[in-house]
Protein backbone atom coordinates (compact mmCIF):
# COMPACT_ATOMS: atom_id res chain seq x y z
CA UNK A 1 -29.52 -176.13 73.71
CA UNK A 2 -31.74 -173.25 72.55
CA UNK A 3 -35.19 -174.10 72.44
CA UNK A 4 -37.60 -173.32 69.49
CA UNK A 5 -40.88 -172.75 69.53
CA UNK A 6 -42.37 -174.84 66.76
CA UNK A 7 -41.29 -177.66 64.62
CA UNK A 8 -41.01 -175.55 61.33
CA UNK A 9 -38.82 -172.92 63.29
CA UNK A 10 -36.70 -176.05 64.20
CA UNK A 11 -35.95 -177.14 60.51
CA UNK A 12 -36.07 -173.84 59.06
CA UNK A 13 -33.67 -170.95 58.54
CA UNK A 14 -31.41 -169.26 55.95
CA UNK A 15 -28.24 -170.74 54.18
CA UNK A 16 -27.13 -174.46 54.04
CA UNK A 17 -28.05 -176.61 56.92
CA UNK A 18 -24.37 -177.20 57.58
CA UNK A 19 -23.68 -173.89 58.29
CA UNK A 20 -26.85 -173.11 60.45
CA UNK A 21 -25.88 -176.20 62.74
CA UNK A 22 -22.34 -175.00 62.83
CA UNK A 23 -23.63 -171.42 64.31
CA UNK A 24 -26.00 -173.34 66.66
CA UNK A 25 -23.70 -175.69 68.26
CA UNK A 26 -20.52 -173.33 67.93
CA UNK A 27 -18.74 -175.80 65.68
CA UNK A 28 -15.99 -173.63 64.72
CA UNK A 29 -14.11 -174.29 61.26
CA UNK A 30 -16.76 -177.19 60.19
CA UNK A 31 -17.39 -176.51 56.72
CA UNK A 32 -13.33 -176.09 56.22
CA UNK A 33 -12.87 -179.52 58.07
CA UNK A 34 -15.61 -180.82 55.50
CA UNK A 35 -13.67 -179.80 52.36
CA UNK A 36 -10.44 -180.97 53.74
CA UNK A 37 -11.95 -184.22 54.70
CA UNK A 38 -13.83 -184.84 51.25
CA UNK A 39 -10.55 -183.62 49.00
CA UNK A 40 -8.07 -185.31 51.70
CA UNK A 41 -6.00 -182.13 52.05
CA UNK A 42 -3.24 -183.28 54.47
CA UNK A 43 -5.41 -186.19 55.40
CA UNK A 44 -7.16 -189.46 53.58
CA UNK A 45 -10.04 -189.05 52.05
CA UNK A 46 -13.43 -189.95 53.83
CA UNK A 47 -16.65 -190.48 51.94
CA UNK A 48 -19.98 -188.93 52.32
CA UNK A 49 -21.28 -191.29 54.64
CA UNK A 50 -18.16 -191.05 56.84
CA UNK A 51 -18.45 -187.17 56.98
CA UNK A 52 -22.14 -187.19 57.56
CA UNK A 53 -21.38 -190.02 60.82
CA UNK A 54 -18.58 -187.40 61.94
CA UNK A 55 -20.45 -184.28 61.96
CA UNK A 56 -23.64 -185.60 63.53
CA UNK A 57 -21.27 -187.15 66.42
CA UNK A 58 -19.98 -183.70 66.83
CA UNK A 59 -23.37 -182.37 66.68
CA UNK A 60 -24.30 -184.75 69.62
CA UNK A 61 -21.22 -183.83 71.72
CA UNK A 62 -21.92 -180.27 71.32
CA UNK A 63 -25.35 -180.79 72.55
CA UNK A 64 -24.35 -182.14 75.50
CA UNK A 65 -21.77 -180.00 76.17
CA UNK A 66 -24.15 -177.04 75.68
CA UNK A 67 -26.85 -178.72 78.29
CA UNK A 68 -24.14 -178.95 80.89
CA UNK A 69 -24.01 -182.84 80.62
CA UNK A 70 -20.87 -184.99 81.70
CA UNK A 71 -19.89 -186.70 78.84
CA UNK A 72 -18.08 -190.05 78.97
CA UNK A 73 -15.89 -191.18 76.33
CA UNK A 74 -17.51 -192.88 73.36
CA UNK A 75 -21.03 -191.78 74.82
CA UNK A 76 -21.92 -189.47 71.75
CA UNK A 77 -21.06 -191.80 69.16
CA UNK A 78 -23.25 -194.39 71.17
CA UNK A 79 -26.09 -191.88 71.35
CA UNK A 80 -25.42 -191.48 67.57
CA UNK A 81 -25.84 -195.27 66.83
CA UNK A 82 -29.04 -195.50 69.14
CA UNK A 83 -30.74 -192.56 67.45
CA UNK A 84 -30.08 -193.48 63.86
CA UNK A 85 -29.17 -197.04 63.07
CA UNK A 86 -31.62 -199.56 61.63
CA UNK A 87 -30.51 -202.24 64.13
CA UNK A 88 -31.51 -200.77 67.16
CA UNK A 89 -34.97 -201.48 68.69
CA UNK A 90 -37.40 -198.85 69.41
CA UNK A 91 -37.25 -199.58 73.21
CA UNK A 92 -33.43 -198.69 72.97
CA UNK A 93 -33.85 -195.72 70.79
CA UNK A 94 -36.90 -194.41 73.24
CA UNK A 95 -34.39 -195.09 76.18
CA UNK A 96 -31.53 -193.06 74.51
CA UNK A 97 -34.07 -190.07 73.71
CA UNK A 98 -35.12 -190.30 77.43
CA UNK A 99 -31.30 -190.38 78.52
CA UNK A 100 -30.75 -187.17 76.58
CA UNK A 101 -34.04 -185.52 77.62
CA UNK A 102 -32.89 -185.86 81.47
CA UNK A 103 -29.20 -184.73 80.24
CA UNK A 104 -30.94 -181.32 79.58
CA UNK A 105 -30.66 -181.83 75.60
CA UNK A 106 -33.71 -180.82 73.63
CA UNK A 107 -34.32 -184.02 71.55
CA UNK A 108 -36.65 -183.02 68.80
CA UNK A 109 -34.17 -180.10 68.15
CA UNK A 110 -31.01 -182.40 68.09
CA UNK A 111 -32.99 -184.87 65.82
CA UNK A 112 -33.88 -182.21 63.24
CA UNK A 113 -30.55 -181.13 63.10
CA UNK A 114 -28.91 -184.24 62.76
CA UNK A 115 -27.90 -184.30 58.76
CA UNK A 116 -27.86 -186.75 55.69
CA UNK A 117 -24.95 -187.40 53.46
CA UNK A 118 -27.24 -185.58 51.01
CA UNK A 119 -26.91 -182.22 52.95
CA UNK A 120 -22.82 -182.71 53.11
CA UNK A 121 -23.01 -183.30 49.55
CA UNK A 122 -25.07 -180.23 48.63
CA UNK A 123 -22.97 -178.07 51.02
CA UNK A 124 -20.18 -179.04 49.19
CA UNK A 125 -20.94 -178.85 45.74
CA UNK A 126 -23.38 -176.14 45.33
CA UNK A 127 -21.67 -173.62 48.50
CA UNK A 128 -18.21 -174.42 48.33
CA UNK A 129 -17.77 -175.28 44.65
CA UNK A 130 -15.89 -178.44 45.57
CA UNK A 131 -15.35 -181.06 43.11
CA UNK A 132 -13.81 -184.55 43.56
CA UNK A 133 -13.44 -187.54 40.76
CA UNK A 134 -15.68 -190.02 41.70
CA UNK A 135 -13.55 -192.94 42.63
CA UNK A 136 -16.44 -195.08 43.78
CA UNK A 137 -19.55 -195.27 41.76
CA UNK A 138 -20.88 -198.43 43.95
CA UNK A 139 -20.25 -196.63 46.90
CA UNK A 140 -22.38 -193.52 45.45
CA UNK A 141 -25.11 -195.88 44.32
CA UNK A 142 -25.06 -197.43 47.71
CA UNK A 143 -25.28 -194.18 49.89
CA UNK A 144 -28.07 -192.90 47.25
CA UNK A 145 -30.31 -195.99 47.83
CA UNK A 146 -29.66 -196.12 51.53
CA UNK A 147 -30.89 -192.21 51.62
CA UNK A 148 -33.96 -193.02 49.56
CA UNK A 149 -34.86 -195.86 51.98
CA UNK A 150 -34.40 -193.68 55.07
CA UNK A 151 -36.62 -191.02 53.81
CA UNK A 152 -39.37 -193.29 52.90
CA UNK A 153 -38.96 -194.52 56.27
CA UNK A 154 -39.13 -191.26 58.10
CA UNK A 155 -42.18 -190.32 56.00
CA UNK A 156 -43.88 -193.54 56.76
CA UNK A 157 -43.05 -192.77 60.52
CA UNK A 158 -44.60 -189.31 59.97
CA UNK A 159 -47.82 -190.65 58.51
CA UNK A 160 -48.50 -192.99 61.18
CA UNK A 161 -47.93 -190.72 63.85
CA UNK A 162 -50.48 -188.32 62.03
CA UNK A 163 -53.13 -191.10 61.57
CA UNK A 164 -52.98 -192.05 65.48
CA UNK A 165 -52.95 -188.21 66.50
CA UNK A 166 -56.03 -187.93 64.59
CA UNK A 167 -57.59 -190.85 66.03
CA UNK A 168 -56.63 -189.53 69.60
CA UNK A 169 -58.17 -186.27 68.97
CA UNK A 170 -61.54 -188.09 67.72
CA UNK A 171 -61.42 -190.21 70.63
CA UNK A 172 -61.16 -193.54 68.63
CA UNK A 173 -57.98 -194.54 69.88
CA UNK A 174 -56.26 -194.07 73.68
CA UNK A 175 -52.91 -193.88 73.98
CA UNK A 176 -50.43 -192.40 76.57
CA UNK A 177 -47.13 -190.96 75.49
CA UNK A 178 -45.86 -192.68 72.11
CA UNK A 179 -43.16 -192.92 69.52
CA UNK A 180 -43.57 -194.72 66.29
CA UNK A 181 -40.64 -196.85 65.20
CA UNK A 182 -40.36 -198.40 61.80
CA UNK A 183 -38.41 -201.38 61.26
CA UNK A 184 -37.39 -202.77 58.04
CA UNK A 185 -35.84 -206.26 57.39
CA UNK A 186 -34.68 -207.91 54.27
CA UNK A 187 -35.23 -211.68 54.20
CA UNK A 188 -33.14 -214.17 51.78
CA UNK A 189 -35.32 -216.80 51.34
CA UNK A 190 -32.65 -219.36 50.02
CA UNK A 191 -30.33 -218.64 53.36
CA UNK A 192 -33.10 -217.34 55.53
CA UNK A 193 -30.85 -214.55 56.55
CA UNK A 194 -32.45 -211.39 58.07
CA UNK A 195 -30.65 -208.26 57.61
CA UNK A 196 -31.20 -204.40 57.69
CA UNK A 197 -31.15 -202.57 54.44
CA UNK A 198 -28.25 -201.10 55.70
CA UNK A 199 -26.29 -204.02 56.66
CA UNK A 200 -27.29 -205.97 53.06
CA UNK A 201 -26.44 -202.62 51.18
CA UNK A 202 -23.33 -201.99 53.14
CA UNK A 203 -21.67 -205.43 52.99
CA UNK A 204 -23.31 -206.06 49.44
CA UNK A 205 -24.27 -209.86 50.10
CA UNK A 206 -26.55 -212.29 52.31
CA UNK A 207 -25.06 -215.40 53.74
CA UNK A 208 -25.71 -217.43 50.67
CA UNK A 209 -22.67 -219.80 49.34
CA UNK A 210 -22.51 -218.65 45.87
CA UNK A 211 -20.61 -221.46 44.85
CA UNK A 212 -23.26 -224.15 46.15
CA UNK A 213 -25.46 -221.93 44.04
CA UNK A 214 -23.71 -222.93 40.81
CA UNK A 215 -21.66 -219.87 40.55
CA UNK A 216 -18.25 -220.15 39.20
CA UNK A 217 -15.02 -218.02 40.26
CA UNK A 218 -13.71 -216.48 37.44
């Protein structure tokens, strides 16, 4: 993978992110594939979240291929889960990053290139002028909510890192090489279920028995 000099150049560039990604990782036909999958052209329609996951897995496979790494079946999918899932511990995420580095992958570039479902949506609507009738308002609201939480979590990670770096430079804090991980859990005080926001919003419920709480099936 080509290595860039600084964070600004990693994230910048002209044109939609999808097209920059396709060029960097030589993902021929990526844009057309997204349009076809979104519209269900000759295949089952896919949600924005499914398209997001598929693109990111292709990016990781391509990054490993460009680094000359031998990729086992399912390995790219597992790296995607380890790098992005709310359920992954900080230790497991760090181990995944280290493993990618050992394989020759520029992890910082890769993580900057990982897309959100909003990137997919913007590309389809603004750059390809693709429209699809909304058939799942609940799913759209869930995706929007998850994206908001992820942005806030990323912002908290950035702010925490900046504070630590500033204190280290001022000799107020000493720490070796480190990474900041933000772990969010939603706890139902009735059934004591602990869930990540992704698990809660995706399933739509905790472990409470609605009938035992007086709910009546209609």
